[in-house]
PDB file of all heavy atoms in Angstrom:
ATOM      1  N   PRO A   1     -76.962-163.221  48.107  1.00  0.00           N
ATOM      2  CA  PRO A   1     -77.258-161.890  47.556  1.00  0.00           C
ATOM      3  C   PRO A   1     -76.631-160.798  48.424  1.00  0.00           C
ATOM      4  O   PRO A   1     -76.861-160.734  49.636  1.00  0.00           O
ATOM      5  CB  PRO A   1     -78.791-161.829  47.618  1.00  0.00           C
ATOM      6  CG  PRO A   1     -79.240-163.251  47.616  1.00  0.00           C
ATOM      7  CD  PRO A   1     -78.189-163.994  48.384  1.00  0.00           C
ATOM      8  N   GLY A   2     -75.780-159.969  47.811  1.00  0.00           N
ATOM      9  CA  GLY A   2     -75.147-158.886  48.549  1.00  0.00           C
ATOM     10  C   GLY A   2     -73.952-159.283  49.373  1.00  0.00           C
ATOM     11  O   GLY A   2     -73.433-158.473  50.151  1.00  0.00           O
ATOM     12  N   VAL A   3     -73.455-160.514  49.223  1.00  0.00           N
ATOM     13  CA  VAL A   3     -72.248-160.978  49.916  1.00  0.00           C
ATOM     14  C   VAL A   3     -71.355-161.664  48.892  1.00  0.00           C
ATOM     15  O   VAL A   3     -71.754-162.674  48.298  1.00  0.00           O
ATOM     16  CB  VAL A   3     -72.575-161.964  51.058  1.00  0.00           C
ATOM     17  CG1 VAL A   3     -71.299-162.378  51.791  1.00  0.00           C
ATOM     18  CG2 VAL A   3     -73.583-161.371  52.020  1.00  0.00           C
ATOM     19  N   VAL A   4     -70.144-161.106  48.658  1.00  0.00           N
ATOM     20  CA  VAL A   4     -69.281-161.645  47.611  1.00  0.00           C
ATOM     21  C   VAL A   4     -67.864-161.832  48.129  1.00  0.00           C
ATOM     22  O   VAL A   4     -67.432-161.167  49.081  1.00  0.00           O
ATOM     23  CB  VAL A   4     -69.256-160.730  46.366  1.00  0.00           C
ATOM     24  CG1 VAL A   4     -70.660-160.530  45.806  1.00  0.00           C
ATOM     25  CG2 VAL A   4     -68.605-159.380  46.661  1.00  0.00           C
ATOM     26  N   VAL A   5     -67.143-162.737  47.483  1.00  0.00           N
ATOM     27  CA  VAL A   5     -65.719-162.921  47.738  1.00  0.00           C
ATOM     28  C   VAL A   5     -64.948-162.170  46.654  1.00  0.00           C
ATOM     29  O   VAL A   5     -65.268-162.280  45.465  1.00  0.00           O
ATOM     30  CB  VAL A   5     -65.328-164.410  47.708  1.00  0.00           C
ATOM     31  CG1 VAL A   5     -63.837-164.575  48.041  1.00  0.00           C
ATOM     32  CG2 VAL A   5     -66.180-165.216  48.678  1.00  0.00           C
ATOM     33  N   GLY A   6     -63.941-161.389  47.060  1.00  0.00           N
ATOM     34  CA  GLY A   6     -63.118-160.652  46.108  1.00  0.00           C
ATOM     35  C   GLY A   6     -61.685-160.602  46.577  1.00  0.00           C
ATOM     36  O   GLY A   6     -61.392-160.789  47.770  1.00  0.00           O
ATOM     37  N   TYR A   7     -60.772-160.349  45.649  1.00  0.00           N
ATOM     38  CA  TYR A   7     -59.358-160.202  46.014  1.00  0.00           C
ATOM     39  C   TYR A   7     -59.156-158.927  46.831  1.00  0.00           C
ATOM     40  O   TYR A   7     -59.656-157.856  46.478  1.00  0.00           O
ATOM     41  CB  TYR A   7     -58.487-160.148  44.767  1.00  0.00           C
ATOM     42  CG  TYR A   7     -58.174-161.486  44.138  1.00  0.00           C
ATOM     43  CD1 TYR A   7     -57.977-161.586  42.758  1.00  0.00           C
ATOM     44  CD2 TYR A   7     -58.031-162.637  44.896  1.00  0.00           C
ATOM     45  CE1 TYR A   7     -57.672-162.794  42.157  1.00  0.00           C
ATOM     46  CE2 TYR A   7     -57.719-163.858  44.311  1.00  0.00           C
ATOM     47  CZ  TYR A   7     -57.538-163.932  42.940  1.00  0.00           C
ATOM     48  OH  TYR A   7     -57.230-165.136  42.350  1.00  0.00           O
ATOM     49  N   GLU A   8     -58.379-159.018  47.894  1.00  0.00           N
ATOM     50  CA  GLU A   8     -58.160-157.883  48.788  1.00  0.00           C
ATOM     51  C   GLU A   8     -57.416-156.736  48.099  1.00  0.00           C
ATOM     52  O   GLU A   8     -57.559-155.575  48.493  1.00  0.00           O
ATOM     53  CB  GLU A   8     -57.370-158.334  50.020  1.00  0.00           C
ATOM     54  CG  GLU A   8     -55.983-158.872  49.695  1.00  0.00           C
ATOM     55  CD  GLU A   8     -55.234-159.389  50.921  1.00  0.00           C
ATOM     56  OE1 GLU A   8     -55.812-159.338  52.029  1.00  0.00           O
ATOM     57  OE2 GLU A   8     -54.084-159.848  50.766  1.00  0.00           O
ATOM     58  N   ARG A   9     -56.641-157.034  47.053  1.00  0.00           N
ATOM     59  CA  ARG A   9     -55.815-155.995  46.434  1.00  0.00           C
ATOM     60  C   ARG A   9     -56.635-154.972  45.657  1.00  0.00           C
ATOM     61  O   ARG A   9     -56.133-153.897  45.348  1.00  0.00           O
ATOM     62  CB  ARG A   9     -54.786-156.651  45.513  1.00  0.00           C
ATOM     63  CG  ARG A   9     -55.385-157.372  44.318  1.00  0.00           C
ATOM     64  CD  ARG A   9     -54.332-158.153  43.565  1.00  0.00           C
ATOM     65  NE  ARG A   9     -54.888-158.874  42.433  1.00  0.00           N
ATOM     66  CZ  ARG A   9     -54.411-160.025  41.999  1.00  0.00           C
ATOM     67  NH1 ARG A   9     -53.389-160.579  42.598  1.00  0.00           N
ATOM     68  NH2 ARG A   9     -54.944-160.622  40.950  1.00  0.00           N
ATOM     69  N   ASN A  10     -57.883-155.312  45.317  1.00  0.00           N
ATOM     70  CA  ASN A  10     -58.715-154.381  44.551  1.00  0.00           C
ATOM     71  C   ASN A  10     -59.421-153.422  45.507  1.00  0.00           C
ATOM     72  O   ASN A  10     -60.634-153.457  45.698  1.00  0.00           O
ATOM     73  CB  ASN A  10     -59.709-155.166  43.693  1.00  0.00           C
ATOM     74  CG  ASN A  10     -58.991-155.972  42.624  1.00  0.00           C
ATOM     75  OD1 ASN A  10     -58.193-155.433  41.862  1.00  0.00           O
ATOM     76  ND2 ASN A  10     -59.251-157.263  42.592  1.00  0.00           N
ATOM     77  N   ILE A  11     -58.638-152.536  46.081  1.00  0.00           N
ATOM     78  CA  ILE A  11     -59.085-151.689  47.187  1.00  0.00           C
ATOM     79  C   ILE A  11     -60.227-150.777  46.767  1.00  0.00           C
ATOM     80  O   ILE A  11     -61.244-150.658  47.474  1.00  0.00           O
ATOM     81  CB  ILE A  11     -57.892-150.863  47.724  1.00  0.00           C
ATOM     82  CG1 ILE A  11     -56.848-151.808  48.337  1.00  0.00           C
ATOM     83  CG2 ILE A  11     -58.372-149.836  48.754  1.00  0.00           C
ATOM     84  CD1 ILE A  11     -55.543-151.122  48.713  1.00  0.00           C
ATOM     85  N   GLU A  12     -60.101-150.121  45.621  1.00  0.00           N
ATOM     86  CA  GLU A  12     -61.117-149.148  45.222  1.00  0.00           C
ATOM     87  C   GLU A  12     -62.424-149.837  44.828  1.00  0.00           C
ATOM     88  O   GLU A  12     -63.516-149.377  45.174  1.00  0.00           O
ATOM     89  CB  GLU A  12     -60.592-148.280  44.072  1.00  0.00           C
ATOM     90  CG  GLU A  12     -59.319-147.510  44.386  1.00  0.00           C
ATOM     91  CD  GLU A  12     -59.513-146.473  45.483  1.00  0.00           C
ATOM     92  OE1 GLU A  12     -60.676-146.189  45.832  1.00  0.00           O
ATOM     93  OE2 GLU A  12     -58.509-145.953  45.993  1.00  0.00           O
ATOM     94  N   THR A  13     -62.320-150.928  44.101  1.00  0.00           N
ATOM     95  CA  THR A  13     -63.539-151.650  43.706  1.00  0.00           C
ATOM     96  C   THR A  13     -64.263-152.194  44.936  1.00  0.00           C
ATOM     97  O   THR A  13     -65.492-152.094  45.051  1.00  0.00           O
ATOM     98  CB  THR A  13     -63.198-152.804  42.751  1.00  0.00           C
ATOM     99  OG1 THR A  13     -62.576-152.262  41.576  1.00  0.00           O
ATOM    100  CG2 THR A  13     -64.447-153.570  42.347  1.00  0.00           C
ATOM    101  N   ASN A  14     -63.505-152.756  45.874  1.00  0.00           N
ATOM    102  CA  ASN A  14     -64.119-153.267  47.101  1.00  0.00           C
ATOM    103  C   ASN A  14     -64.800-152.144  47.883  1.00  0.00           C
ATOM    104  O   ASN A  14     -65.885-152.331  48.452  1.00  0.00           O
ATOM    105  CB  ASN A  14     -63.075-153.962  47.971  1.00  0.00           C
ATOM    106  CG  ASN A  14     -62.545-155.236  47.340  1.00  0.00           C
ATOM    107  OD1 ASN A  14     -63.180-155.814  46.459  1.00  0.00           O
ATOM    108  ND2 ASN A  14     -61.374-155.677  47.775  1.00  0.00           N
ATOM    109  N   ALA A  15     -64.174-150.971  47.888  1.00  0.00           N
ATOM    110  CA  ALA A  15     -64.777-149.827  48.587  1.00  0.00           C
ATOM    111  C   ALA A  15     -66.087-149.418  47.922  1.00  0.00           C
ATOM    112  O   ALA A  15     -67.079-149.117  48.600  1.00  0.00           O
ATOM    113  CB  ALA A  15     -63.803-148.651  48.610  1.00  0.00           C
ATOM    114  N   ARG A  16     -66.116-149.425  46.593  1.00  0.00           N
ATOM    115  CA  ARG A  16     -67.342-149.058  45.877  1.00  0.00           C
ATOM    116  C   ARG A  16     -68.442-150.078  46.142  1.00  0.00           C
ATOM    117  O   ARG A  16     -69.619-149.725  46.298  1.00  0.00           O
ATOM    118  CB  ARG A  16     -67.073-148.936  44.376  1.00  0.00           C
ATOM    119  CG  ARG A  16     -66.243-147.737  43.987  1.00  0.00           C
ATOM    120  CD  ARG A  16     -66.108-147.612  42.473  1.00  0.00           C
ATOM    121  NE  ARG A  16     -67.374-147.228  41.873  1.00  0.00           N
ATOM    122  CZ  ARG A  16     -67.784-145.960  41.710  1.00  0.00           C
ATOM    123  NH1 ARG A  16     -67.027-144.966  42.144  1.00  0.00           N
ATOM    124  NH2 ARG A  16     -68.927-145.682  41.125  1.00  0.00           N
ATOM    125  N   LEU A  17     -68.073-151.333  46.186  1.00  0.00           N
ATOM    126  CA  LEU A  17     -69.064-152.364  46.481  1.00  0.00           C
ATOM    127  C   LEU A  17     -69.659-152.152  47.876  1.00  0.00           C
ATOM    128  O   LEU A  17     -70.877-152.222  48.071  1.00  0.00           O
ATOM    129  CB  LEU A  17     -68.426-153.754  46.382  1.00  0.00           C
ATOM    130  CG  LEU A  17     -68.136-154.262  44.968  1.00  0.00           C
ATOM    131  CD1 LEU A  17     -67.197-155.463  45.010  1.00  0.00           C
ATOM    132  CD2 LEU A  17     -69.427-154.643  44.253  1.00  0.00           C
ATOM    133  N   GLU A  18     -68.807-151.883  48.841  1.00  0.00           N
ATOM    134  CA  GLU A  18     -69.302-151.700  50.202  1.00  0.00           C
ATOM    135  C   GLU A  18     -70.154-150.442  50.334  1.00  0.00           C
ATOM    136  O   GLU A  18     -71.139-150.427  51.075  1.00  0.00           O
ATOM    137  CB  GLU A  18     -68.122-151.688  51.173  1.00  0.00           C
ATOM    138  CG  GLU A  18     -67.492-153.068  51.298  1.00  0.00           C
ATOM    139  CD  GLU A  18     -66.280-153.113  52.193  1.00  0.00           C
ATOM    140  OE1 GLU A  18     -65.589-152.086  52.332  1.00  0.00           O
ATOM    141  OE2 GLU A  18     -66.019-154.195  52.765  1.00  0.00           O
ATOM    142  N   GLN A  19     -69.789-149.399  49.596  1.00  0.00           N
ATOM    143  CA  GLN A  19     -70.615-148.191  49.593  1.00  0.00           C
ATOM    144  C   GLN A  19     -72.006-148.476  49.031  1.00  0.00           C
ATOM    145  O   GLN A  19     -72.978-147.808  49.388  1.00  0.00           O
ATOM    146  CB  GLN A  19     -69.932-147.087  48.782  1.00  0.00           C
ATOM    147  CG  GLN A  19     -68.692-146.507  49.443  1.00  0.00           C
ATOM    148  CD  GLN A  19     -67.846-145.699  48.485  1.00  0.00           C
ATOM    149  OE1 GLN A  19     -68.249-145.430  47.348  1.00  0.00           O
ATOM    150  NE2 GLN A  19     -66.667-145.292  48.932  1.00  0.00           N
ATOM    151  N   ALA A  20     -72.096-149.463  48.170  1.00  0.00           N
ATOM    152  CA  ALA A  20     -73.386-149.833  47.572  1.00  0.00           C
ATOM    153  C   ALA A  20     -74.138-150.866  48.411  1.00  0.00           C
ATOM    154  O   ALA A  20     -75.178-151.370  47.986  1.00  0.00           O
ATOM    155  CB  ALA A  20     -73.164-150.363  46.155  1.00  0.00           C
ATOM    156  N   GLY A  21     -73.606-151.202  49.570  1.00  0.00           N
ATOM    157  CA  GLY A  21     -74.300-152.132  50.446  1.00  0.00           C
ATOM    158  C   GLY A  21     -73.911-153.581  50.280  1.00  0.00           C
ATOM    159  O   GLY A  21     -74.572-154.478  50.812  1.00  0.00           O
ATOM    160  N   ILE A  22     -72.832-153.843  49.551  1.00  0.00           N
ATOM    161  CA  ILE A  22     -72.370-155.216  49.322  1.00  0.00           C
ATOM    162  C   ILE A  22     -71.286-155.557  50.339  1.00  0.00           C
ATOM    163  O   ILE A  22     -70.318-154.818  50.492  1.00  0.00           O
ATOM    164  CB  ILE A  22     -71.804-155.380  47.898  1.00  0.00           C
ATOM    165  CG1 ILE A  22     -72.828-154.950  46.845  1.00  0.00           C
ATOM    166  CG2 ILE A  22     -71.353-156.815  47.668  1.00  0.00           C
ATOM    167  CD1 ILE A  22     -74.093-155.752  46.839  1.00  0.00           C
ATOM    168  N   GLU A  23     -71.425-156.683  51.014  1.00  0.00           N
ATOM    169  CA  GLU A  23     -70.375-157.161  51.910  1.00  0.00           C
ATOM    170  C   GLU A  23     -69.314-157.878  51.093  1.00  0.00           C
ATOM    171  O   GLU A  23     -69.631-158.770  50.295  1.00  0.00           O
ATOM    172  CB  GLU A  23     -70.956-158.109  52.958  1.00  0.00           C
ATOM    173  CG  GLU A  23     -69.915-158.639  53.936  1.00  0.00           C
ATOM    174  CD  GLU A  23     -70.466-159.647  54.920  1.00  0.00           C
ATOM    175  OE1 GLU A  23     -71.706-159.881  54.919  1.00  0.00           O
ATOM    176  OE2 GLU A  23     -69.667-160.218  55.698  1.00  0.00           O
ATOM    177  N   VAL A  24     -68.054-157.482  51.266  1.00  0.00           N
ATOM    178  CA  VAL A  24     -66.954-158.096  50.520  1.00  0.00           C
ATOM    179  C   VAL A  24     -66.111-158.945  51.467  1.00  0.00           C
ATOM    180  O   VAL A  24     -65.560-158.435  52.455  1.00  0.00           O
ATOM    181  CB  VAL A  24     -66.067-157.034  49.843  1.00  0.00           C
ATOM    182  CG1 VAL A  24     -64.935-157.718  49.067  1.00  0.00           C
ATOM    183  CG2 VAL A  24     -66.889-156.148  48.918  1.00  0.00           C
ATOM    184  N   LEU A  25     -66.020-160.228  51.180  1.00  0.00           N
ATOM    185  CA  LEU A  25     -65.165-161.148  51.926  1.00  0.00           C
ATOM    186  C   LEU A  25     -63.824-161.178  51.201  1.00  0.00           C
ATOM    187  O   LEU A  25     -63.685-161.780  50.133  1.00  0.00           O
ATOM    188  CB  LEU A  25     -65.795-162.548  51.969  1.00  0.00           C
ATOM    189  CG  LEU A  25     -67.248-162.600  52.452  1.00  0.00           C
ATOM    190  CD1 LEU A  25     -67.804-164.015  52.296  1.00  0.00           C
ATOM    191  CD2 LEU A  25     -67.378-162.116  53.885  1.00  0.00           C
ATOM    192  N   ARG A  26     -62.836-160.528  51.769  1.00  0.00           N
ATOM    193  CA  ARG A  26     -61.556-160.343  51.086  1.00  0.00           C
ATOM    194  C   ARG A  26     -60.647-161.555  51.255  1.00  0.00           C
ATOM    195  O   ARG A  26     -60.527-162.087  52.358  1.00  0.00           O
ATOM    196  CB  ARG A  26     -60.860-159.093  51.605  1.00  0.00           C
ATOM    197  CG  ARG A  26     -61.548-157.789  51.225  1.00  0.00           C
ATOM    198  CD  ARG A  26     -60.984-156.630  52.048  1.00  0.00           C
ATOM    199  NE  ARG A  26     -61.471-155.334  51.587  1.00  0.00           N
ATOM    200  CZ  ARG A  26     -62.672-154.839  51.877  1.00  0.00           C
ATOM    201  NH1 ARG A  26     -63.507-155.559  52.613  1.00  0.00           N
ATOM    202  NH2 ARG A  26     -63.034-153.647  51.427  1.00  0.00           N
ATOM    203  N   ILE A  27     -59.998-161.948  50.159  1.00  0.00           N
ATOM    204  CA  ILE A  27     -59.003-163.019  50.211  1.00  0.00           C
ATOM    205  C   ILE A  27     -57.737-162.549  49.513  1.00  0.00           C
ATOM    206  O   ILE A  27     -57.776-161.683  48.629  1.00  0.00           O
ATOM    207  CB  ILE A  27     -59.496-164.325  49.554  1.00  0.00           C
ATOM    208  CG1 ILE A  27     -59.779-164.128  48.055  1.00  0.00           C
ATOM    209  CG2 ILE A  27     -60.720-164.871  50.277  1.00  0.00           C
ATOM    210  CD1 ILE A  27     -60.001-165.416  47.294  1.00  0.00           C
ATOM    211  N   ALA A  28     -56.605-163.112  49.918  1.00  0.00           N
ATOM    212  CA  ALA A  28     -55.337-162.821  49.248  1.00  0.00           C
ATOM    213  C   ALA A  28     -55.285-163.562  47.918  1.00  0.00           C
ATOM    214  O   ALA A  28     -55.827-164.657  47.779  1.00  0.00           O
ATOM    215  CB  ALA A  28     -54.173-163.239  50.138  1.00  0.00           C
ATOM    216  N   GLY A  29     -54.610-162.953  46.941  1.00  0.00           N
ATOM    217  CA  GLY A  29     -54.532-163.599  45.630  1.00  0.00           C
ATOM    218  C   GLY A  29     -53.285-163.257  44.858  1.00  0.00           C
ATOM    219  O   GLY A  29     -53.278-163.322  43.629  1.00  0.00           O
ATOM    220  N   SER A  30     -52.192-162.924  45.558  1.00  0.00           N
ATOM    221  CA  SER A  30     -50.979-162.516  44.847  1.00  0.00           C
ATOM    222  C   SER A  30     -50.424-163.630  43.984  1.00  0.00           C
ATOM    223  O   SER A  30     -49.890-163.392  42.899  1.00  0.00           O
ATOM    224  CB  SER A  30     -49.921-162.042  45.840  1.00  0.00           C
ATOM    225  OG  SER A  30     -49.574-163.088  46.732  1.00  0.00           O
ATOM    226  N   GLU A  31     -50.560-164.887  44.433  1.00  0.00           N
ATOM    227  CA  GLU A  31     -50.074-166.023  43.646  1.00  0.00           C
ATOM    228  C   GLU A  31     -51.200-166.687  42.857  1.00  0.00           C
ATOM    229  O   GLU A  31     -50.998-167.111  41.721  1.00  0.00           O
ATOM    230  CB  GLU A  31     -49.410-167.050  44.573  1.00  0.00           C
ATOM    231  CG  GLU A  31     -48.214-166.511  45.321  1.00  0.00           C
ATOM    232  CD  GLU A  31     -47.145-165.931  44.404  1.00  0.00           C
ATOM    233  OE1 GLU A  31     -46.798-166.589  43.403  1.00  0.00           O
ATOM    234  OE2 GLU A  31     -46.676-164.811  44.687  1.00  0.00           O
ATOM    235  N   LEU A  32     -52.386-166.769  43.427  1.00  0.00           N
ATOM    236  CA  LEU A  32     -53.504-167.385  42.711  1.00  0.00           C
ATOM    237  C   LEU A  32     -53.818-166.642  41.422  1.00  0.00           C
ATOM    238  O   LEU A  32     -54.231-167.234  40.425  1.00  0.00           O
ATOM    239  CB  LEU A  32     -54.757-167.408  43.606  1.00  0.00           C
ATOM    240  CG  LEU A  32     -54.723-168.336  44.816  1.00  0.00           C
ATOM    241  CD1 LEU A  32     -56.000-168.170  45.639  1.00  0.00           C
ATOM    242  CD2 LEU A  32     -54.569-169.792  44.385  1.00  0.00           C
ATOM    243  N   GLY A  33     -53.621-165.324  41.427  1.00  0.00           N
ATOM    244  CA  GLY A  33     -53.977-164.525  40.262  1.00  0.00           C
ATOM    245  C   GLY A  33     -52.997-164.578  39.114  1.00  0.00           C
ATOM    246  O   GLY A  33     -53.224-163.931  38.077  1.00  0.00           O
ATOM    247  N   SER A  34     -51.907-165.342  39.242  1.00  0.00           N
ATOM    248  CA  SER A  34     -50.900-165.366  38.183  1.00  0.00           C
ATOM    249  C   SER A  34     -51.399-166.030  36.908  1.00  0.00           C
ATOM    250  O   SER A  34     -50.796-165.889  35.855  1.00  0.00           O
ATOM    251  CB  SER A  34     -49.629-166.064  38.670  1.00  0.00           C
ATOM    252  OG  SER A  34     -49.907-167.382  39.078  1.00  0.00           O
ATOM    253  N   GLY A  35     -52.505-166.753  36.998  1.00  0.00           N
ATOM    254  CA  GLY A  35     -53.103-167.347  35.806  1.00  0.00           C
ATOM    255  C   GLY A  35     -54.267-166.537  35.276  1.00  0.00           C
ATOM    256  O   GLY A  35     -54.997-166.987  34.401  1.00  0.00           O
ATOM    257  N   ARG A  36     -54.432-165.312  35.810  1.00  0.00           N
ATOM    258  CA  ARG A  36     -55.494-164.382  35.397  1.00  0.00           C
ATOM    259  C   ARG A  36     -56.871-164.965  35.697  1.00  0.00           C
ATOM    260  O   ARG A  36     -57.621-165.329  34.815  1.00  0.00           O
ATOM    261  CB  ARG A  36     -55.385-164.023  33.914  1.00  0.00           C
ATOM    262  CG  ARG A  36     -54.135-163.281  33.512  1.00  0.00           C
ATOM    263  CD  ARG A  36     -54.270-161.770  33.553  1.00  0.00           C
ATOM    264  NE  ARG A  36     -54.514-161.215  34.866  1.00  0.00           N
ATOM    265  CZ  ARG A  36     -53.555-160.981  35.781  1.00  0.00           C
ATOM    266  NH1 ARG A  36     -52.328-161.298  35.526  1.00  0.00           N
ATOM    267  NH2 ARG A  36     -53.871-160.452  36.946  1.00  0.00           N
ATOM    268  N   GLY A  37     -57.175-165.031  36.989  1.00  0.00           N
ATOM    269  CA  GLY A  37     -58.491-165.487  37.396  1.00  0.00           C
ATOM    270  C   GLY A  37     -58.762-165.141  38.843  1.00  0.00           C
ATOM    271  O   GLY A  37     -57.859-165.205  39.677  1.00  0.00           O
ATOM    272  N   GLY A  38     -60.003-164.754  39.132  1.00  0.00           N
ATOM    273  CA  GLY A  38     -60.383-164.383  40.481  1.00  0.00           C
ATOM    274  C   GLY A  38     -61.250-165.431  41.138  1.00  0.00           C
ATOM    275  O   GLY A  38     -61.337-166.580  40.687  1.00  0.00           O
ATOM    276  N   PRO A  39     -61.933-165.053  42.230  1.00  0.00           N
ATOM    277  CA  PRO A  39     -62.746-166.021  42.972  1.00  0.00           C
ATOM    278  C   PRO A  39     -63.812-166.715  42.129  1.00  0.00           C
ATOM    279  O   PRO A  39     -64.078-167.899  42.335  1.00  0.00           O
ATOM    280  CB  PRO A  39     -63.371-165.159  44.077  1.00  0.00           C
ATOM    281  CG  PRO A  39     -62.377-164.065  44.294  1.00  0.00           C
ATOM    282  CD  PRO A  39     -61.828-163.758  42.935  1.00  0.00           C
TER     283      PRO A  39
END
């Protein structure tokens, strides 16, 4: 609860999550995301 994995490239969304008290564990996804899917 309150700890999530997200793609590092989504800078604004990650910032909003952290402002709301959510810890974001950032991962790279430039190639993983080519099939349209996140963590």
